[in-house]
Amino acid sequence: MEYLIAEYTHQIELHKLKYSYSQIETITLTGLEVIENLLSLKFSKAAKALFDINRQELNLLEAENKITGKEMALIYDLRKEIAYNNI
């Protein structure tokens, strides 16, 4: 059980790091694309750029679903909550 928790922890932290980086990149680029497309009156491209932000969150959820040891997610979450409350 400890092995699965360790595997899950490692993989989820990696995916969250990737998600954070992607989110910063997407927000920055999407904001610029929206402004650029609105100024060019390309409203459909502006709307598409806004949906890219939600796509990143969906990718994280899909990755979490495929992680080794995903059955240990509750234990992982409880440990994080306990560690947060003890600080």
PDB file of N, CA and C in Angstrom:
ATOM      1  N   MET A   1       0.834  -1.186   0.000  1.00  0.00           N
ATOM      2  CA  MET A   1       0.000   0.000   0.000  1.00  0.00           C
ATOM      3  C   MET A   1       0.885   1.259   0.000  1.00  0.00           C
ATOM      4  N   GLU A   2       1.938   1.252   0.788  1.00  0.00           N
ATOM      5  CA  GLU A   2       2.832   2.418   0.822  1.00  0.00           C
ATOM      6  C   GLU A   2       3.480   2.653  -0.538  1.00  0.00           C
ATOM      7  N   TYR A   3       3.788   1.561  -1.238  1.00  0.00           N
ATOM      8  CA  TYR A   3       4.366   1.690  -2.580  1.00  0.00           C
ATOM      9  C   TYR A   3       3.394   2.402  -3.516  1.00  0.00           C
ATOM     10  N   LEU A   4       2.138   1.984  -3.501  1.00  0.00           N
ATOM     11  CA  LEU A   4       1.136   2.607  -4.368  1.00  0.00           C
ATOM     12  C   LEU A   4       0.928   4.076  -4.010  1.00  0.00           C
ATOM     13  N   ILE A   5       0.930   4.390  -2.734  1.00  0.00           N
ATOM     14  CA  ILE A   5       0.784   5.784  -2.318  1.00  0.00           C
ATOM     15  C   ILE A   5       1.972   6.610  -2.800  1.00  0.00           C
ATOM     16  N   ALA A   6       3.172   6.040  -2.676  1.00  0.00           N
ATOM     17  CA  ALA A   6       4.371   6.749  -3.139  1.00  0.00           C
ATOM     18  C   ALA A   6       4.334   6.960  -4.650  1.00  0.00           C
ATOM     19  N   GLU A   7       3.933   5.931  -5.383  1.00  0.00           N
ATOM     20  CA  GLU A   7       3.821   6.056  -6.846  1.00  0.00           C
ATOM     21  C   GLU A   7       2.788   7.117  -7.225  1.00  0.00           C
ATOM     22  N   TYR A   8       1.640   7.045  -6.575  1.00  0.00           N
ATOM     23  CA  TYR A   8       0.584   8.018  -6.856  1.00  0.00           C
ATOM     24  C   TYR A   8       1.070   9.428  -6.543  1.00  0.00           C
ATOM     25  N   THR A   9       1.696   9.611  -5.401  1.00  0.00           N
ATOM     26  CA  THR A   9       2.185  10.926  -4.988  1.00  0.00           C
ATOM     27  C   THR A   9       3.166  11.481  -6.007  1.00  0.00           C
ATOM     28  N   HIS A  10       4.103  10.663  -6.423  1.00  0.00           N
ATOM     29  CA  HIS A  10       5.101  11.104  -7.400  1.00  0.00           C
ATOM     30  C   HIS A  10       4.439  11.521  -8.714  1.00  0.00           C
ATOM     31  N   GLN A  11       3.548  10.681  -9.204  1.00  0.00           N
ATOM     32  CA  GLN A  11       2.911  10.961 -10.488  1.00  0.00           C
ATOM     33  C   GLN A  11       1.972  12.162 -10.419  1.00  0.00           C
ATOM     34  N   ILE A  12       1.207  12.292  -9.347  1.00  0.00           N
ATOM     35  CA  ILE A  12       0.260  13.411  -9.254  1.00  0.00           C
ATOM     36  C   ILE A  12       1.001  14.730  -9.113  1.00  0.00           C
ATOM     37  N   GLU A  13       2.093  14.738  -8.360  1.00  0.00           N
ATOM     38  CA  GLU A  13       2.876  15.970  -8.220  1.00  0.00           C
ATOM     39  C   GLU A  13       3.478  16.375  -9.562  1.00  0.00           C
ATOM     40  N   LEU A  14       3.933  15.405 -10.333  1.00  0.00           N
ATOM     41  CA  LEU A  14       4.476  15.692 -11.666  1.00  0.00           C
ATOM     42  C   LEU A  14       3.395  16.280 -12.572  1.00  0.00           C
ATOM     43  N   HIS A  15       2.219  15.678 -12.561  1.00  0.00           N
ATOM     44  CA  HIS A  15       1.122  16.177 -13.401  1.00  0.00           C
ATOM     45  C   HIS A  15       0.664  17.561 -12.954  1.00  0.00           C
ATOM     46  N   LYS A  16       0.635  17.809 -11.668  1.00  0.00           N
ATOM     47  CA  LYS A  16       0.244  19.132 -11.177  1.00  0.00           C
ATOM     48  C   LYS A  16       1.262  20.187 -11.566  1.00  0.00           C
ATOM     49  N   LEU A  17       2.542  19.829 -11.557  1.00  0.00           N
ATOM     50  CA  LEU A  17       3.584  20.755 -11.982  1.00  0.00           C
ATOM     51  C   LEU A  17       3.435  21.081 -13.467  1.00  0.00           C
ATOM     52  N   LYS A  18       3.202  20.048 -14.276  1.00  0.00           N
ATOM     53  CA  LYS A  18       2.975  20.256 -15.708  1.00  0.00           C
ATOM     54  C   LYS A  18       1.738  21.141 -15.927  1.00  0.00           C
ATOM     55  N   TYR A  19       0.685  20.877 -15.159  1.00  0.00           N
ATOM     56  CA  TYR A  19      -0.557  21.641 -15.279  1.00  0.00           C
ATOM     57  C   TYR A  19      -0.322  23.108 -14.930  1.00  0.00           C
ATOM     58  N   SER A  20       0.404  23.362 -13.857  1.00  0.00           N
ATOM     59  CA  SER A  20       0.676  24.747 -13.451  1.00  0.00           C
ATOM     60  C   SER A  20       1.433  25.494 -14.530  1.00  0.00           C
ATOM     61  N   TYR A  21       2.454  24.842 -15.083  1.00  0.00           N
ATOM     62  CA  TYR A  21       3.233  25.472 -16.152  1.00  0.00           C
ATOM     63  C   TYR A  21       2.363  25.716 -17.385  1.00  0.00           C
ATOM     64  N   SER A  22       1.577  24.713 -17.752  1.00  0.00           N
ATOM     65  CA  SER A  22       0.702  24.849 -18.922  1.00  0.00           C
ATOM     66  C   SER A  22      -0.339  25.940 -18.708  1.00  0.00           C
ATOM     67  N   GLN A  23      -0.836  26.037 -17.479  1.00  0.00           N
ATOM     68  CA  GLN A  23      -1.857  27.035 -17.180  1.00  0.00           C
ATOM     69  C   GLN A  23      -1.295  28.448 -17.325  1.00  0.00           C
ATOM     70  N   ILE A  24      -0.092  28.677 -16.819  1.00  0.00           N
ATOM     71  CA  ILE A  24       0.536  29.993 -16.947  1.00  0.00           C
ATOM     72  C   ILE A  24       0.763  30.318 -18.419  1.00  0.00           C
ATOM     73  N   GLU A  25       1.286  29.349 -19.154  1.00  0.00           N
ATOM     74  CA  GLU A  25       1.541  29.549 -20.579  1.00  0.00           C
ATOM     75  C   GLU A  25       0.242  29.810 -21.335  1.00  0.00           C
ATOM     76  N   THR A  26      -0.784  29.018 -21.040  1.00  0.00           N
ATOM     77  CA  THR A  26      -2.059  29.159 -21.739  1.00  0.00           C
ATOM     78  C   THR A  26      -2.717  30.497 -21.440  1.00  0.00           C
ATOM     79  N   ILE A  27      -2.711  30.913 -20.192  1.00  0.00           N
ATOM     80  CA  ILE A  27      -3.341  32.187 -19.837  1.00  0.00           C
ATOM     81  C   ILE A  27      -2.623  33.344 -20.519  1.00  0.00           C
ATOM     82  N   THR A  28      -1.301  33.304 -20.504  1.00  0.00           N
ATOM     83  CA  THR A  28      -0.532  34.379 -21.129  1.00  0.00           C
ATOM     84  C   THR A  28      -0.792  34.435 -22.628  1.00  0.00           C
ATOM     85  N   LEU A  29      -0.627  33.297 -23.291  1.00  0.00           N
ATOM     86  CA  LEU A  29      -0.804  33.269 -24.737  1.00  0.00           C
ATOM     87  C   LEU A  29      -2.253  33.496 -25.146  1.00  0.00           C
ATOM     88  N   THR A  30      -3.179  32.925 -24.380  1.00  0.00           N
ATOM     89  CA  THR A  30      -4.594  33.083 -24.704  1.00  0.00           C
ATOM     90  C   THR A  30      -5.020  34.537 -24.568  1.00  0.00           C
ATOM     91  N   GLY A  31      -4.569  35.174 -23.513  1.00  0.00           N
ATOM     92  CA  GLY A  31      -4.901  36.594 -23.338  1.00  0.00           C
ATOM     93  C   GLY A  31      -4.431  37.433 -24.512  1.00  0.00           C
ATOM     94  N   LEU A  32      -3.213  37.176 -24.942  1.00  0.00           N
ATOM     95  CA  LEU A  32      -2.681  37.915 -26.090  1.00  0.00           C
ATOM     96  C   LEU A  32      -3.431  37.571 -27.373  1.00  0.00           C
ATOM     97  N   GLU A  33      -3.757  36.280 -27.560  1.00  0.00           N
ATOM     98  CA  GLU A  33      -4.503  35.871 -28.752  1.00  0.00           C
ATOM     99  C   GLU A  33      -5.894  36.502 -28.781  1.00  0.00           C
ATOM    100  N   VAL A  34      -6.561  36.528 -27.625  1.00  0.00           N
ATOM    101  CA  VAL A  34      -7.905  37.105 -27.561  1.00  0.00           C
ATOM    102  C   VAL A  34      -7.853  38.582 -27.948  1.00  0.00           C
ATOM    103  N   ILE A  35      -6.927  39.308 -27.373  1.00  0.00           N
ATOM    104  CA  ILE A  35      -6.797  40.738 -27.704  1.00  0.00           C
ATOM    105  C   ILE A  35      -6.488  40.920 -29.181  1.00  0.00           C
ATOM    106  N   GLU A  36      -5.542  40.152 -29.666  1.00  0.00           N
ATOM    107  CA  GLU A  36      -5.144  40.235 -31.071  1.00  0.00           C
ATOM    108  C   GLU A  36      -6.312  39.909 -32.004  1.00  0.00           C
ATOM    109  N   ASN A  37      -7.054  38.844 -31.696  1.00  0.00           N
ATOM    110  CA  ASN A  37      -8.165  38.434 -32.547  1.00  0.00           C
ATOM    111  C   ASN A  37      -9.355  39.385 -32.443  1.00  0.00           C
ATOM    112  N   LEU A  38      -9.587  39.946 -31.272  1.00  0.00           N
ATOM    113  CA  LEU A  38     -10.678  40.918 -31.141  1.00  0.00           C
ATOM    114  C   LEU A  38     -10.372  42.182 -31.930  1.00  0.00           C
ATOM    115  N   LEU A  39      -9.117  42.599 -31.894  1.00  0.00           N
ATOM    116  CA  LEU A  39      -8.728  43.782 -32.663  1.00  0.00           C
ATOM    117  C   LEU A  39      -8.833  43.529 -34.162  1.00  0.00           C
ATOM    118  N   SER A  40      -8.647  42.281 -34.567  1.00  0.00           N
ATOM    119  CA  SER A  40      -8.747  41.918 -35.984  1.00  0.00           C
ATOM    120  C   SER A  40     -10.166  41.491 -36.352  1.00  0.00           C
ATOM    121  N   LEU A  41     -11.081  41.560 -35.387  1.00  0.00           N
ATOM    122  CA  LEU A  41     -12.477  41.149 -35.549  1.00  0.00           C
ATOM    123  C   LEU A  41     -12.608  39.674 -35.905  1.00  0.00           C
ATOM    124  N   LYS A  42     -11.733  38.842 -35.339  1.00  0.00           N
ATOM    125  CA  LYS A  42     -11.798  37.391 -35.515  1.00  0.00           C
ATOM    126  C   LYS A  42     -12.366  36.798 -34.225  1.00  0.00           C
ATOM    127  N   PHE A  43     -13.667  36.959 -34.069  1.00  0.00           N
ATOM    128  CA  PHE A  43     -14.317  36.578 -32.824  1.00  0.00           C
ATOM    129  C   PHE A  43     -14.284  35.071 -32.562  1.00  0.00           C
ATOM    130  N   SER A  44     -14.410  34.255 -33.602  1.00  0.00           N
ATOM    131  CA  SER A  44     -14.403  32.809 -33.388  1.00  0.00           C
ATOM    132  C   SER A  44     -13.033  32.341 -32.892  1.00  0.00           C
ATOM    133  N   LYS A  45     -11.968  32.923 -33.392  1.00  0.00           N
ATOM    134  CA  LYS A  45     -10.630  32.558 -32.921  1.00  0.00           C
ATOM    135  C   LYS A  45     -10.420  33.031 -31.490  1.00  0.00           C
ATOM    136  N   ALA A  46     -10.993  34.161 -31.148  1.00  0.00           N
ATOM    137  CA  ALA A  46     -10.883  34.669 -29.784  1.00  0.00           C
ATOM    138  C   ALA A  46     -11.593  33.720 -28.816  1.00  0.00           C
ATOM    139  N   ALA A  47     -12.774  33.258 -29.192  1.00  0.00           N
ATOM    140  CA  ALA A  47     -13.525  32.332 -28.338  1.00  0.00           C
ATOM    141  C   ALA A  47     -12.796  31.002 -28.211  1.00  0.00           C
ATOM    142  N   LYS A  48     -12.217  30.519 -29.307  1.00  0.00           N
ATOM    143  CA  LYS A  48     -11.472  29.259 -29.276  1.00  0.00           C
ATOM    144  C   LYS A  48     -10.307  29.356 -28.305  1.00  0.00           C
ATOM    145  N   ALA A  49      -9.628  30.468 -28.288  1.00  0.00           N
ATOM    146  CA  ALA A  49      -8.489  30.652 -27.393  1.00  0.00           C
ATOM    147  C   ALA A  49      -8.928  30.568 -25.931  1.00  0.00           C
ATOM    148  N   LEU A  50     -10.109  31.065 -25.629  1.00  0.00           N
ATOM    149  CA  LEU A  50     -10.613  31.001 -24.251  1.00  0.00           C
ATOM    150  C   LEU A  50     -10.880  29.567 -23.808  1.00  0.00           C
ATOM    151  N   PHE A  51     -11.297  28.713 -24.747  1.00  0.00           N
ATOM    152  CA  PHE A  51     -11.572  27.315 -24.415  1.00  0.00           C
ATOM    153  C   PHE A  51     -10.288  26.533 -24.141  1.00  0.00           C
ATOM    154  N   ASP A  52      -9.159  27.021 -24.613  1.00  0.00           N
ATOM    155  CA  ASP A  52      -7.886  26.340 -24.359  1.00  0.00           C
ATOM    156  C   ASP A  52      -7.585  26.253 -22.869  1.00  0.00           C
ATOM    157  N   ILE A  53      -8.021  27.230 -22.109  1.00  0.00           N
ATOM    158  CA  ILE A  53      -7.795  27.223 -20.664  1.00  0.00           C
ATOM    159  C   ILE A  53      -8.509  26.029 -20.030  1.00  0.00           C
ATOM    160  N   ASN A  54      -9.754  25.800 -20.392  1.00  0.00           N
ATOM    161  CA  ASN A  54     -10.514  24.676 -19.831  1.00  0.00           C
ATOM    162  C   ASN A  54      -9.952  23.336 -20.296  1.00  0.00           C
ATOM    163  N   ARG A  55      -9.389  23.311 -21.489  1.00  0.00           N
ATOM    164  CA  ARG A  55      -8.818  22.080 -22.015  1.00  0.00           C
ATOM    165  C   ARG A  55      -7.649  21.612 -21.144  1.00  0.00           C
ATOM    166  N   GLN A  56      -6.875  22.544 -20.595  1.00  0.00           N
ATOM    167  CA  GLN A  56      -5.753  22.183 -19.732  1.00  0.00           C
ATOM    168  C   GLN A  56      -6.237  21.482 -18.464  1.00  0.00           C
ATOM    169  N   GLU A  57      -7.322  21.973 -17.903  1.00  0.00           N
ATOM    170  CA  GLU A  57      -7.866  21.343 -16.694  1.00  0.00           C
ATOM    171  C   GLU A  57      -8.397  19.946 -17.004  1.00  0.00           C
ATOM    172  N   LEU A  58      -9.015  19.794 -18.154  1.00  0.00           N
ATOM    173  CA  LEU A  58      -9.502  18.481 -18.580  1.00  0.00           C
ATOM    174  C   LEU A  58      -8.333  17.513 -18.753  1.00  0.00           C
ATOM    175  N   ASN A  59      -7.239  17.991 -19.311  1.00  0.00           N
ATOM    176  CA  ASN A  59      -6.060  17.139 -19.478  1.00  0.00           C
ATOM    177  C   ASN A  59      -5.532  16.656 -18.135  1.00  0.00           C
ATOM    178  N   LEU A  60      -5.542  17.519 -17.125  1.00  0.00           N
ATOM    179  CA  LEU A  60      -5.097  17.121 -15.790  1.00  0.00           C
ATOM    180  C   LEU A  60      -6.017  16.042 -15.222  1.00  0.00           C
ATOM    181  N   LEU A  61      -7.313  16.214 -15.359  1.00  0.00           N
ATOM    182  CA  LEU A  61      -8.257  15.222 -14.843  1.00  0.00           C
ATOM    183  C   LEU A  61      -8.088  13.873 -15.544  1.00  0.00           C
ATOM    184  N   GLU A  62      -7.857  13.905 -16.855  1.00  0.00           N
ATOM    185  CA  GLU A  62      -7.623  12.658 -17.584  1.00  0.00           C
ATOM    186  C   GLU A  62      -6.339  11.990 -17.109  1.00  0.00           C
ATOM    187  N   ALA A  63      -5.304  12.767 -16.895  1.00  0.00           N
ATOM    188  CA  ALA A  63      -4.028  12.219 -16.424  1.00  0.00           C
ATOM    189  C   ALA A  63      -4.198  11.604 -15.043  1.00  0.00           C
ATOM    190  N   GLU A  64      -4.936  12.265 -14.159  1.00  0.00           N
ATOM    191  CA  GLU A  64      -5.175  11.735 -12.819  1.00  0.00           C
ATOM    192  C   GLU A  64      -5.902  10.395 -12.882  1.00  0.00           C
ATOM    193  N   ASN A  65      -6.758  10.234 -13.861  1.00  0.00           N
ATOM    194  CA  ASN A  65      -7.521   9.002 -13.996  1.00  0.00           C
ATOM    195  C   ASN A  65      -6.656   7.831 -14.446  1.00  0.00           C
ATOM    196  N   LYS A  66      -5.531   8.110 -15.105  1.00  0.00           N
ATOM    197  CA  LYS A  66      -4.662   7.055 -15.630  1.00  0.00           C
ATOM    198  C   LYS A  66      -3.473   6.743 -14.721  1.00  0.00           C
ATOM    199  N   ILE A  67      -3.337   7.448 -13.622  1.00  0.00           N
ATOM    200  CA  ILE A  67      -2.167   7.317 -12.761  1.00  0.00           C
ATOM    201  C   ILE A  67      -2.150   5.971 -12.046  1.00  0.00           C
ATOM    202  N   THR A  68      -0.940   5.399 -11.932  1.00  0.00           N
ATOM    203  CA  THR A  68      -0.748   4.173 -11.149  1.00  0.00           C
ATOM    204  C   THR A  68      -1.072   4.464  -9.687  1.00  0.00           C
ATOM    205  N   GLY A  69      -1.855   3.620  -9.078  1.00  0.00           N
ATOM    206  CA  GLY A  69      -2.193   3.787  -7.677  1.00  0.00           C
ATOM    207  C   GLY A  69      -3.286   4.809  -7.434  1.00  0.00           C
ATOM    208  N   LYS A  70      -4.093   5.090  -8.454  1.00  0.00           N
ATOM    209  CA  LYS A  70      -5.142   6.114  -8.297  1.00  0.00           C
ATOM    210  C   LYS A  70      -6.129   5.772  -7.190  1.00  0.00           C
ATOM    211  N   GLU A  71      -6.142   4.490  -6.814  1.00  0.00           N
ATOM    212  CA  GLU A  71      -7.013   4.066  -5.733  1.00  0.00           C
ATOM    213  C   GLU A  71      -6.575   4.684  -4.403  1.00  0.00           C
ATOM    214  N   MET A  72      -5.351   5.177  -4.353  1.00  0.00           N
ATOM    215  CA  MET A  72      -4.795   5.760  -3.134  1.00  0.00           C
ATOM    216  C   MET A  72      -5.034   7.278  -3.055  1.00  0.00           C
ATOM    217  N   ALA A  73      -5.805   7.815  -3.960  1.00  0.00           N
ATOM    218  CA  ALA A  73      -6.041   9.258  -4.017  1.00  0.00           C
ATOM    219  C   ALA A  73      -6.634   9.794  -2.719  1.00  0.00           C
ATOM    220  N   LEU A  74      -7.552   9.067  -2.129  1.00  0.00           N
ATOM    221  CA  LEU A  74      -8.174   9.526  -0.890  1.00  0.00           C
ATOM    222  C   LEU A  74      -7.137   9.624   0.229  1.00  0.00           C
ATOM    223  N   ILE A  75      -6.285   8.614   0.331  1.00  0.00           N
ATOM    224  CA  ILE A  75      -5.244   8.634   1.362  1.00  0.00           C
ATOM    225  C   ILE A  75      -4.286   9.795   1.111  1.00  0.00           C
ATOM    226  N   TYR A  76      -3.921  10.004  -0.138  1.00  0.00           N
ATOM    227  CA  TYR A  76      -3.050  11.125  -0.514  1.00  0.00           C
ATOM    228  C   TYR A  76      -3.678  12.453  -0.095  1.00  0.00           C
ATOM    229  N   ASP A  77      -4.954  12.621  -0.445  1.00  0.00           N
ATOM    230  CA  ASP A  77      -5.650  13.865  -0.103  1.00  0.00           C
ATOM    231  C   ASP A  77      -5.745  14.068   1.406  1.00  0.00           C
ATOM    232  N   LEU A  78      -6.014  13.011   2.136  1.00  0.00           N
ATOM    233  CA  LEU A  78      -6.102  13.111   3.595  1.00  0.00           C
ATOM    234  C   LEU A  78      -4.746  13.481   4.204  1.00  0.00           C
ATOM    235  N   ARG A  79      -3.681  12.897   3.694  1.00  0.00           N
ATOM    236  CA  ARG A  79      -2.349  13.216   4.198  1.00  0.00           C
ATOM    237  C   ARG A  79      -1.994  14.682   3.913  1.00  0.00           C
ATOM    238  N   LYS A  80      -2.341  15.162   2.740  1.00  0.00           N
ATOM    239  CA  LYS A  80      -2.078  16.570   2.399  1.00  0.00           C
ATOM    240  C   LYS A  80      -2.870  17.498   3.311  1.00  0.00           C
ATOM    241  N   GLU A  81      -4.116  17.138   3.579  1.00  0.00           N
ATOM    242  CA  GLU A  81      -4.973  17.955   4.451  1.00  0.00           C
ATOM    243  C   GLU A  81      -4.432  17.989   5.872  1.00  0.00           C
ATOM    244  N   ILE A  82      -4.006  16.830   6.366  1.00  0.00           N
ATOM    245  CA  ILE A  82      -3.442  16.761   7.724  1.00  0.00           C
ATOM    246  C   ILE A  82      -2.159  17.579   7.802  1.00  0.00           C
ATOM    247  N   ALA A  83      -1.304  17.452   6.803  1.00  0.00           N
ATOM    248  CA  ALA A  83      -0.048  18.210   6.791  1.00  0.00           C
ATOM    249  C   ALA A  83      -0.328  19.713   6.732  1.00  0.00           C
ATOM    250  N   TYR A  84      -1.335  20.115   5.964  1.00  0.00           N
ATOM    251  CA  TYR A  84      -1.693  21.526   5.840  1.00  0.00           C
ATOM    252  C   TYR A  84      -2.222  22.070   7.173  1.00  0.00           C
ATOM    253  N   ASN A  85      -3.040  21.286   7.851  1.00  0.00           N
ATOM    254  CA  ASN A  85      -3.636  21.730   9.121  1.00  0.00           C
ATOM    255  C   ASN A  85      -2.635  21.745  10.270  1.00  0.00           C
ATOM    256  N   ASN A  86      -1.567  20.982  10.170  1.00  0.00           N
ATOM    257  CA  ASN A  86      -0.552  20.935  11.225  1.00  0.00           C
ATOM    258  C   ASN A  86       0.467  22.061  11.111  1.00  0.00           C
ATOM    259  N   ILE A  87       0.441  22.787  10.045  1.00  0.00           N
ATOM    260  CA  ILE A  87       1.432  23.871   9.853  1.00  0.00           C
ATOM    261  C   ILE A  87       1.066  25.082  10.652  1.00  0.00           C
TER     262      ILE A  87
END
